[in-house]
Amino acid sequence: GIFLFNPGSITSPRDYMPPSYGIIHMSEKNILARHMNPDDL
């Protein structure tokens, strides 16, 4: 019942993935989260 989330780093990722940040939609019933790549912007 607890959502644990790390957005990563926008400058220096250490997981061999692109830089990232998070967008979270939180309601009474749900938590939806996704990692976003600033390079896409």
All heavy atoms as atom14 arrays in JSON, in Angstrom:
{
  "sequence": "GIFLFNPGSITSPRDYMPPSYGIIHMSEKNILARHMNPDDL",
  "atom14_mask": [
    [1, 1, 1, 1, 0, 0, 0, 0, 0, 0, 0, 0, 0, 0],
    [1, 1, 1, 1, 1, 1, 1, 1, 0, 0, 0, 0, 0, 0],
    [1, 1, 1, 1, 1, 1, 1, 1, 1, 1, 1, 0, 0, 0],
    [1, 1, 1, 1, 1, 1, 1, 1, 0, 0, 0, 0, 0, 0],
    [1, 1, 1, 1, 1, 1, 1, 1, 1, 1, 1, 0, 0, 0],
    [1, 1, 1, 1, 1, 1, 1, 1, 0, 0, 0, 0, 0, 0],
    [1, 1, 1, 1, 1, 1, 1, 0, 0, 0, 0, 0, 0, 0],
    [1, 1, 1, 1, 0, 0, 0, 0, 0, 0, 0, 0, 0, 0],
    [1, 1, 1, 1, 1, 1, 0, 0, 0, 0, 0, 0, 0, 0],
    [1, 1, 1, 1, 1, 1, 1, 1, 0, 0, 0, 0, 0, 0],
    [1, 1, 1, 1, 1, 1, 1, 0, 0, 0, 0, 0, 0, 0],
    [1, 1, 1, 1, 1, 1, 0, 0, 0, 0, 0, 0, 0, 0],
    [1, 1, 1, 1, 1, 1, 1, 0, 0, 0, 0, 0, 0, 0],
    [1, 1, 1, 1, 1, 1, 1, 1, 1, 1, 1, 0, 0, 0],
    [1, 1, 1, 1, 1, 1, 1, 1, 0, 0, 0, 0, 0, 0],
    [1, 1, 1, 1, 1, 1, 1, 1, 1, 1, 1, 1, 0, 0],
    [1, 1, 1, 1, 1, 1, 1, 1, 0, 0, 0, 0, 0, 0],
    [1, 1, 1, 1, 1, 1, 1, 0, 0, 0, 0, 0, 0, 0],
    [1, 1, 1, 1, 1, 1, 1, 0, 0, 0, 0, 0, 0, 0],
    [1, 1, 1, 1, 1, 1, 0, 0, 0, 0, 0, 0, 0, 0],
    [1, 1, 1, 1, 1, 1, 1, 1, 1, 1, 1, 1, 0, 0],
    [1, 1, 1, 1, 0, 0, 0, 0, 0, 0, 0, 0, 0, 0],
    [1, 1, 1, 1, 1, 1, 1, 1, 0, 0, 0, 0, 0, 0],
    [1, 1, 1, 1, 1, 1, 1, 1, 0, 0, 0, 0, 0, 0],
    [1, 1, 1, 1, 1, 1, 1, 1, 1, 1, 0, 0, 0, 0],
    [1, 1, 1, 1, 1, 1, 1, 1, 0, 0, 0, 0, 0, 0],
    [1, 1, 1, 1, 1, 1, 0, 0, 0, 0, 0, 0, 0, 0],
    [1, 1, 1, 1, 1, 1, 1, 1, 1, 0, 0, 0, 0, 0],
    [1, 1, 1, 1, 1, 1, 1, 1, 1, 0, 0, 0, 0, 0],
    [1, 1, 1, 1, 1, 1, 1, 1, 0, 0, 0, 0, 0, 0],
    [1, 1, 1, 1, 1, 1, 1, 1, 0, 0, 0, 0, 0, 0],
    [1, 1, 1, 1, 1, 1, 1, 1, 0, 0, 0, 0, 0, 0],
    [1, 1, 1, 1, 1, 0, 0, 0, 0, 0, 0, 0, 0, 0],
    [1, 1, 1, 1, 1, 1, 1, 1, 1, 1, 1, 0, 0, 0],
    [1, 1, 1, 1, 1, 1, 1, 1, 1, 1, 0, 0, 0, 0],
    [1, 1, 1, 1, 1, 1, 1, 1, 0, 0, 0, 0, 0, 0],
    [1, 1, 1, 1, 1, 1, 1, 1, 0, 0, 0, 0, 0, 0],
    [1, 1, 1, 1, 1, 1, 1, 0, 0, 0, 0, 0, 0, 0],
    [1, 1, 1, 1, 1, 1, 1, 1, 0, 0, 0, 0, 0, 0],
    [1, 1, 1, 1, 1, 1, 1, 1, 0, 0, 0, 0, 0, 0],
    [1, 1, 1, 1, 1, 1, 1, 1, 0, 0, 0, 0, 0, 0]
  ],
  "atom14_positions": [
    [[0.78, -1.23, 0.0], [0.0, 0.0, 0.0], [0.81, 1.28, 0.0], [0.24, 2.37, 0.02], [0.0, 0.0, 0.0], [0.0, 0.0, 0.0], [0.0, 0.0, 0.0], [0.0, 0.0, 0.0], [0.0, 0.0, 0.0], [0.0, 0.0, 0.0], [0.0, 0.0, 0.0], [0.0, 0.0, 0.0], [0.0, 0.0, 0.0], [0.0, 0.0, 0.0]],
    [[2.14, 1.17, -0.01], [3.0, 2.36, -0.05], [3.74, 2.34, -1.38], [4.41, 1.37, -1.72], [4.01, 2.37, 1.12], [3.27, 2.36, 2.46], [4.93, 3.59, 1.0], [4.18, 2.16, 3.66], [0.0, 0.0, 0.0], [0.0, 0.0, 0.0], [0.0, 0.0, 0.0], [0.0, 0.0, 0.0], [0.0, 0.0, 0.0], [0.0, 0.0, 0.0]],
    [[3.61, 3.44, -2.14], [4.3, 3.53, -3.42], [5.63, 4.23, -3.2], [5.69, 5.36, -2.72], [3.45, 4.32, -4.42], [3.97, 4.24, -5.82], [3.91, 3.05, -6.54], [4.55, 5.34, -6.42], [4.39, 2.97, -7.83], [5.04, 5.28, -7.71], [4.97, 4.08, -8.42], [0.0, 0.0, 0.0], [0.0, 0.0, 0.0], [0.0, 0.0, 0.0]],
    [[6.73, 3.52, -3.5], [8.08, 4.05, -3.36], [8.56, 4.47, -4.74], [8.49, 3.68, -5.68], [9.01, 2.98, -2.78], [8.53, 2.31, -1.48], [9.35, 1.08, -1.18], [8.58, 3.29, -0.33], [0.0, 0.0, 0.0], [0.0, 0.0, 0.0], [0.0, 0.0, 0.0], [0.0, 0.0, 0.0], [0.0, 0.0, 0.0], [0.0, 0.0, 0.0]],
    [[9.07, 5.71, -4.85], [9.42, 6.24, -6.17], [10.67, 7.1, -6.12], [10.78, 7.99, -5.27], [8.25, 7.07, -6.71], [8.43, 7.58, -8.11], [8.17, 6.76, -9.21], [8.85, 8.88, -8.35], [8.33, 7.23, -10.51], [9.0, 9.36, -9.65], [8.74, 8.52, -10.73], [0.0, 0.0, 0.0], [0.0, 0.0, 0.0], [0.0, 0.0, 0.0]],
    [[11.6, 6.82, -7.02], [12.78, 7.65, -7.22], [12.74, 8.14, -8.66], [12.71, 7.32, -9.58], [14.05, 6.84, -6.96], [15.32, 7.68, -7.02], [15.43, 8.61, -7.79], [16.28, 7.33, -6.19], [0.0, 0.0, 0.0], [0.0, 0.0, 0.0], [0.0, 0.0, 0.0], [0.0, 0.0, 0.0], [0.0, 0.0, 0.0], [0.0, 0.0, 0.0]],
    [[12.75, 9.47, -8.87], [12.66, 9.98, -10.24], [13.95, 9.81, -11.05], [13.95, 10.05, -12.25], [12.36, 11.46, -10.03], [13.0, 11.79, -8.72], [12.82, 10.55, -7.88], [0.0, 0.0, 0.0], [0.0, 0.0, 0.0], [0.0, 0.0, 0.0], [0.0, 0.0, 0.0], [0.0, 0.0, 0.0], [0.0, 0.0, 0.0], [0.0, 0.0, 0.0]],
    [[15.04, 9.4, -10.42], [16.33, 9.35, -11.09], [16.98, 10.72, -11.01], [16.63, 11.54, -10.18], [0.0, 0.0, 0.0], [0.0, 0.0, 0.0], [0.0, 0.0, 0.0], [0.0, 0.0, 0.0], [0.0, 0.0, 0.0], [0.0, 0.0, 0.0], [0.0, 0.0, 0.0], [0.0, 0.0, 0.0], [0.0, 0.0, 0.0], [0.0, 0.0, 0.0]],
    [[17.92, 10.99, -11.89], [18.64, 12.26, -11.9], [18.48, 12.94, -13.26], [18.58, 12.28, -14.29], [20.13, 12.03, -11.63], [20.88, 13.21, -11.86], [0.0, 0.0, 0.0], [0.0, 0.0, 0.0], [0.0, 0.0, 0.0], [0.0, 0.0, 0.0], [0.0, 0.0, 0.0], [0.0, 0.0, 0.0], [0.0, 0.0, 0.0], [0.0, 0.0, 0.0]],
    [[18.26, 14.26, -13.23], [18.14, 14.99, -14.5], [19.51, 15.31, -15.09], [19.6, 15.71, -16.23], [17.29, 16.27, -14.37], [17.95, 17.3, -13.46], [15.88, 15.95, -13.94], [17.31, 18.68, -13.51], [0.0, 0.0, 0.0], [0.0, 0.0, 0.0], [0.0, 0.0, 0.0], [0.0, 0.0, 0.0], [0.0, 0.0, 0.0], [0.0, 0.0, 0.0]],
    [[20.58, 15.11, -14.31], [21.9, 15.49, -14.81], [22.87, 14.33, -14.99], [23.62, 14.31, -15.95], [22.57, 16.5, -13.85], [22.62, 15.94, -12.54], [21.83, 17.81, -13.83], [0.0, 0.0, 0.0], [0.0, 0.0, 0.0], [0.0, 0.0, 0.0], [0.0, 0.0, 0.0], [0.0, 0.0, 0.0], [0.0, 0.0, 0.0], [0.0, 0.0, 0.0]],
    [[22.87, 13.38, -14.07], [23.88, 12.32, -14.14], [23.33, 10.98, -13.66], [23.62, 10.54, -12.55], [25.12, 12.71, -13.33], [24.75, 13.06, -12.01], [0.0, 0.0, 0.0], [0.0, 0.0, 0.0], [0.0, 0.0, 0.0], [0.0, 0.0, 0.0], [0.0, 0.0, 0.0], [0.0, 0.0, 0.0], [0.0, 0.0, 0.0], [0.0, 0.0, 0.0]],
    [[22.53, 10.32, -14.51], [21.97, 9.03, -14.11], [23.08, 7.98, -13.94], [24.11, 8.05, -14.6], [21.05, 8.66, -15.28], [21.54, 9.46, -16.42], [22.15, 10.71, -15.87], [0.0, 0.0, 0.0], [0.0, 0.0, 0.0], [0.0, 0.0, 0.0], [0.0, 0.0, 0.0], [0.0, 0.0, 0.0], [0.0, 0.0, 0.0], [0.0, 0.0, 0.0]],
    [[22.83, 7.05, -13.03], [23.81, 5.99, -12.76], [23.26, 4.6, -13.07], [23.83, 3.6, -12.65], [24.23, 6.06, -11.3], [24.97, 7.32, -10.95], [25.37, 7.35, -9.49], [26.01, 8.63, -9.17], [26.01, 9.18, -7.97], [25.41, 8.57, -6.96], [26.6, 10.33, -7.77], [0.0, 0.0, 0.0], [0.0, 0.0, 0.0], [0.0, 0.0, 0.0]],
    [[22.15, 4.55, -13.79], [21.53, 3.25, -14.08], [21.57, 2.92, -15.57], [20.8, 2.09, -16.04], [20.1, 3.22, -13.56], [19.24, 4.38, -14.08], [19.74, 5.19, -14.89], [18.07, 4.47, -13.67], [0.0, 0.0, 0.0], [0.0, 0.0, 0.0], [0.0, 0.0, 0.0], [0.0, 0.0, 0.0], [0.0, 0.0, 0.0], [0.0, 0.0, 0.0]],
    [[22.47, 3.54, -16.31], [22.62, 3.31, -17.75], [21.34, 3.63, -18.51], [21.09, 3.09, -19.58], [23.1, 1.88, -18.04], [24.36, 1.55, -17.3], [24.33, 0.76, -16.16], [25.58, 2.07, -17.72], [25.5, 0.48, -15.47], [26.75, 1.79, -17.02], [26.7, 1.0, -15.9], [27.85, 0.71, -15.21], [0.0, 0.0, 0.0], [0.0, 0.0, 0.0]],
    [[20.53, 4.5, -17.95], [19.31, 4.98, -18.56], [19.48, 6.47, -18.84], [20.38, 7.1, -18.3], [18.12, 4.76, -17.62], [17.84, 3.32, -17.24], [17.13, 2.38, -18.58], [15.48, 3.03, -18.59], [0.0, 0.0, 0.0], [0.0, 0.0, 0.0], [0.0, 0.0, 0.0], [0.0, 0.0, 0.0], [0.0, 0.0, 0.0], [0.0, 0.0, 0.0]],
    [[18.61, 7.05, -19.68], [18.7, 8.5, -19.91], [18.38, 9.27, -18.63], [17.78, 8.72, -17.7], [17.62, 8.75, -20.96], [17.32, 7.43, -21.57], [17.6, 6.41, -20.52], [0.0, 0.0, 0.0], [0.0, 0.0, 0.0], [0.0, 0.0, 0.0], [0.0, 0.0, 0.0], [0.0, 0.0, 0.0], [0.0, 0.0, 0.0], [0.0, 0.0, 0.0]],
    [[18.74, 10.55, -18.57], [18.35, 11.38, -17.43], [16.83, 11.33, -17.26], [16.1, 11.09, -18.22], [18.79, 12.79, -17.84], [19.86, 12.57, -18.85], [19.5, 11.3, -19.57], [0.0, 0.0, 0.0], [0.0, 0.0, 0.0], [0.0, 0.0, 0.0], [0.0, 0.0, 0.0], [0.0, 0.0, 0.0], [0.0, 0.0, 0.0], [0.0, 0.0, 0.0]],
    [[16.36, 11.56, -16.03], [14.92, 11.44, -15.81], [14.44, 12.27, -14.63], [15.2, 12.66, -13.76], [14.53, 9.98, -15.6], [15.2, 9.44, -14.48], [0.0, 0.0, 0.0], [0.0, 0.0, 0.0], [0.0, 0.0, 0.0], [0.0, 0.0, 0.0], [0.0, 0.0, 0.0], [0.0, 0.0, 0.0], [0.0, 0.0, 0.0], [0.0, 0.0, 0.0]],
    [[13.14, 12.5, -14.65], [12.4, 13.1, -13.54], [11.05, 12.4, -13.51], [10.78, 11.53, -14.35], [12.26, 14.62, -13.71], [11.53, 15.07, -14.95], [10.18, 15.38, -14.92], [12.19, 15.18, -16.17], [9.5, 15.79, -16.05], [11.53, 15.6, -17.32], [10.18, 15.89, -17.25], [9.51, 16.31, -18.37], [0.0, 0.0, 0.0], [0.0, 0.0, 0.0]],
    [[10.19, 12.73, -12.56], [8.92, 12.02, -12.45], [7.71, 12.91, -12.53], [7.74, 14.07, -12.11], [0.0, 0.0, 0.0], [0.0, 0.0, 0.0], [0.0, 0.0, 0.0], [0.0, 0.0, 0.0], [0.0, 0.0, 0.0], [0.0, 0.0, 0.0], [0.0, 0.0, 0.0], [0.0, 0.0, 0.0], [0.0, 0.0, 0.0], [0.0, 0.0, 0.0]],
    [[6.64, 12.34, -13.07], [5.31, 12.94, -13.03], [4.41, 11.92, -12.34], [4.35, 10.75, -12.74], [4.76, 13.23, -14.44], [5.6, 14.29, -15.16], [3.29, 13.65, -14.37], [5.46, 15.69, -14.61], [0.0, 0.0, 0.0], [0.0, 0.0, 0.0], [0.0, 0.0, 0.0], [0.0, 0.0, 0.0], [0.0, 0.0, 0.0], [0.0, 0.0, 0.0]],
    [[3.72, 12.38, -11.3], [2.86, 11.5, -10.51], [1.45, 12.08, -10.49], [1.26, 13.28, -10.25], [3.38, 11.35, -9.07], [4.76, 10.7, -9.08], [2.4, 10.55, -8.21], [5.43, 10.64, -7.73], [0.0, 0.0, 0.0], [0.0, 0.0, 0.0], [0.0, 0.0, 0.0], [0.0, 0.0, 0.0], [0.0, 0.0, 0.0], [0.0, 0.0, 0.0]],
    [[0.48, 11.23, -10.75], [-0.93, 11.58, -10.6], [-1.43, 10.81, -9.38], [-1.38, 9.58, -9.35], [-1.74, 11.19, -11.83], [-1.33, 11.94, -13.05], [-1.9, 13.14, -13.41], [-0.39, 11.68, -14.0], [-1.35, 13.58, -14.51], [-0.42, 12.72, -14.9], [0.0, 0.0, 0.0], [0.0, 0.0, 0.0], [0.0, 0.0, 0.0], [0.0, 0.0, 0.0]],
    [[-1.92, 11.54, -8.38], [-2.35, 10.92, -7.13], [-3.81, 11.28, -6.89], [-4.2, 12.45, -6.95], [-1.47, 11.43, -5.98], [-1.66, 10.74, -4.68], [-0.36, 11.32, -3.51], [-0.93, 10.55, -2.02], [0.0, 0.0, 0.0], [0.0, 0.0, 0.0], [0.0, 0.0, 0.0], [0.0, 0.0, 0.0], [0.0, 0.0, 0.0], [0.0, 0.0, 0.0]],
    [[-4.63, 10.26, -6.66], [-6.04, 10.48, -6.33], [-6.35, 9.68, -5.07], [-5.49, 9.01, -4.52], [-6.93, 10.03, -7.49], [-6.88, 8.63, -7.65], [0.0, 0.0, 0.0], [0.0, 0.0, 0.0], [0.0, 0.0, 0.0], [0.0, 0.0, 0.0], [0.0, 0.0, 0.0], [0.0, 0.0, 0.0], [0.0, 0.0, 0.0], [0.0, 0.0, 0.0]],
    [[-7.61, 9.71, -4.66], [-8.0, 8.96, -3.46], [-7.76, 7.47, -3.63], [-7.43, 6.78, -2.67], [-9.46, 9.23, -3.13], [-9.72, 10.64, -2.65], [-11.2, 10.9, -2.42], [-11.98, 9.95, -2.29], [-11.56, 12.09, -2.38], [0.0, 0.0, 0.0], [0.0, 0.0, 0.0], [0.0, 0.0, 0.0], [0.0, 0.0, 0.0], [0.0, 0.0, 0.0]],
    [[-7.92, 6.97, -4.86], [-7.83, 5.52, -5.09], [-6.53, 5.07, -5.74], [-6.13, 3.93, -5.57], [-9.0, 5.07, -5.96], [-10.34, 5.25, -5.29], [-11.45, 4.76, -6.15], [-12.79, 4.99, -5.44], [-13.91, 4.52, -6.23], [0.0, 0.0, 0.0], [0.0, 0.0, 0.0], [0.0, 0.0, 0.0], [0.0, 0.0, 0.0], [0.0, 0.0, 0.0]],
    [[-5.88, 5.93, -6.51], [-4.73, 5.5, -7.31], [-3.53, 6.42, -7.21], [-3.69, 7.62, -6.96], [-5.12, 5.41, -8.8], [-6.14, 4.35, -9.07], [-6.02, 3.23, -8.6], [-7.16, 4.71, -9.84], [0.0, 0.0, 0.0], [0.0, 0.0, 0.0], [0.0, 0.0, 0.0], [0.0, 0.0, 0.0], [0.0, 0.0, 0.0], [0.0, 0.0, 0.0]],
    [[-2.38, 5.83, -7.47], [-1.16, 6.59, -7.69], [-0.57, 6.07, -8.99], [-0.29, 4.88, -9.13], [-0.14, 6.42, -6.54], [-0.71, 6.96, -5.23], [1.19, 7.11, -6.89], [0.16, 6.72, -4.02], [0.0, 0.0, 0.0], [0.0, 0.0, 0.0], [0.0, 0.0, 0.0], [0.0, 0.0, 0.0], [0.0, 0.0, 0.0], [0.0, 0.0, 0.0]],
    [[-0.45, 6.97, -9.97], [0.15, 6.62, -11.25], [1.4, 7.46, -11.41], [1.36, 8.68, -11.26], [-0.82, 6.91, -12.4], [-2.16, 6.18, -12.33], [-3.1, 6.73, -13.4], [-1.97, 4.69, -12.51], [0.0, 0.0, 0.0], [0.0, 0.0, 0.0], [0.0, 0.0, 0.0], [0.0, 0.0, 0.0], [0.0, 0.0, 0.0], [0.0, 0.0, 0.0]],
    [[2.52, 6.81, -11.7], [3.78, 7.52, -11.83], [4.5, 7.09, -13.09], [4.39, 5.94, -13.52], [4.66, 7.24, -10.61], [0.0, 0.0, 0.0], [0.0, 0.0, 0.0], [0.0, 0.0, 0.0], [0.0, 0.0, 0.0], [0.0, 0.0, 0.0], [0.0, 0.0, 0.0], [0.0, 0.0, 0.0], [0.0, 0.0, 0.0], [0.0, 0.0, 0.0]],
    [[5.23, 8.04, -13.69], [6.05, 7.68, -14.84], [7.34, 8.5, -14.8], [7.37, 9.63, -14.29], [5.31, 7.88, -16.14], [4.9, 9.28, -16.42], [4.05, 9.39, -17.65], [3.5, 10.73, -17.65], [3.09, 11.36, -18.7], [3.13, 10.77, -19.86], [2.61, 12.57, -18.63], [0.0, 0.0, 0.0], [0.0, 0.0, 0.0], [0.0, 0.0, 0.0]],
    [[8.35, 7.91, -15.34], [9.63, 8.58, -15.49], [9.65, 9.29, -16.83], [9.25, 8.72, -17.84], [10.79, 7.56, -15.4], [10.93, 6.98, -14.04], [10.39, 5.76, -13.7], [11.55, 7.45, -12.93], [10.66, 5.5, -12.43], [11.37, 6.52, -11.94], [0.0, 0.0, 0.0], [0.0, 0.0, 0.0], [0.0, 0.0, 0.0], [0.0, 0.0, 0.0]],
    [[10.11, 10.52, -16.83], [10.16, 11.34, -18.03], [11.63, 11.64, -18.36], [12.44, 11.83, -17.46], [9.42, 12.65, -17.81], [7.99, 12.52, -17.32], [6.86, 11.97, -18.58], [6.82, 13.4, -19.62], [0.0, 0.0, 0.0], [0.0, 0.0, 0.0], [0.0, 0.0, 0.0], [0.0, 0.0, 0.0], [0.0, 0.0, 0.0], [0.0, 0.0, 0.0]],
    [[11.93, 11.74, -19.64], [13.28, 12.05, -20.09], [13.33, 13.52, -20.5], [12.64, 13.92, -21.44], [13.63, 11.14, -21.28], [15.01, 11.38, -21.83], [15.67, 12.37, -21.53], [15.47, 10.46, -22.65], [0.0, 0.0, 0.0], [0.0, 0.0, 0.0], [0.0, 0.0, 0.0], [0.0, 0.0, 0.0], [0.0, 0.0, 0.0], [0.0, 0.0, 0.0]],
    [[14.14, 14.34, -19.82], [14.2, 15.76, -20.19], [14.71, 15.99, -21.61], [14.39, 17.0, -22.23], [15.14, 16.38, -19.16], [15.84, 15.26, -18.52], [15.0, 14.04, -18.69], [0.0, 0.0, 0.0], [0.0, 0.0, 0.0], [0.0, 0.0, 0.0], [0.0, 0.0, 0.0], [0.0, 0.0, 0.0], [0.0, 0.0, 0.0], [0.0, 0.0, 0.0]],
    [[15.46, 15.04, -22.15], [15.94, 15.17, -23.53], [14.77, 15.2, -24.52], [14.85, 15.84, -25.56], [16.89, 14.03, -23.9], [18.2, 14.1, -23.13], [18.52, 15.19, -22.6], [18.9, 13.09, -23.05], [0.0, 0.0, 0.0], [0.0, 0.0, 0.0], [0.0, 0.0, 0.0], [0.0, 0.0, 0.0], [0.0, 0.0, 0.0], [0.0, 0.0, 0.0]],
    [[13.67, 14.5, -24.19], [12.49, 14.52, -25.06], [11.91, 15.93, -25.15], [11.45, 16.35, -26.21], [11.43, 13.55, -24.57], [11.85, 12.1, -24.74], [12.76, 11.83, -25.54], [11.27, 11.24, -24.05], [0.0, 0.0, 0.0], [0.0, 0.0, 0.0], [0.0, 0.0, 0.0], [0.0, 0.0, 0.0], [0.0, 0.0, 0.0], [0.0, 0.0, 0.0]],
    [[11.94, 16.67, -24.05], [11.45, 18.05, -24.06], [12.32, 18.91, -24.95], [11.83, 19.73, -25.72], [11.46, 18.64, -22.64], [10.56, 18.0, -21.61], [10.82, 18.61, -20.25], [9.11, 18.16, -22.0], [0.0, 0.0, 0.0], [0.0, 0.0, 0.0], [0.0, 0.0, 0.0], [0.0, 0.0, 0.0], [0.0, 0.0, 0.0], [0.0, 0.0, 0.0]]
  ]
}
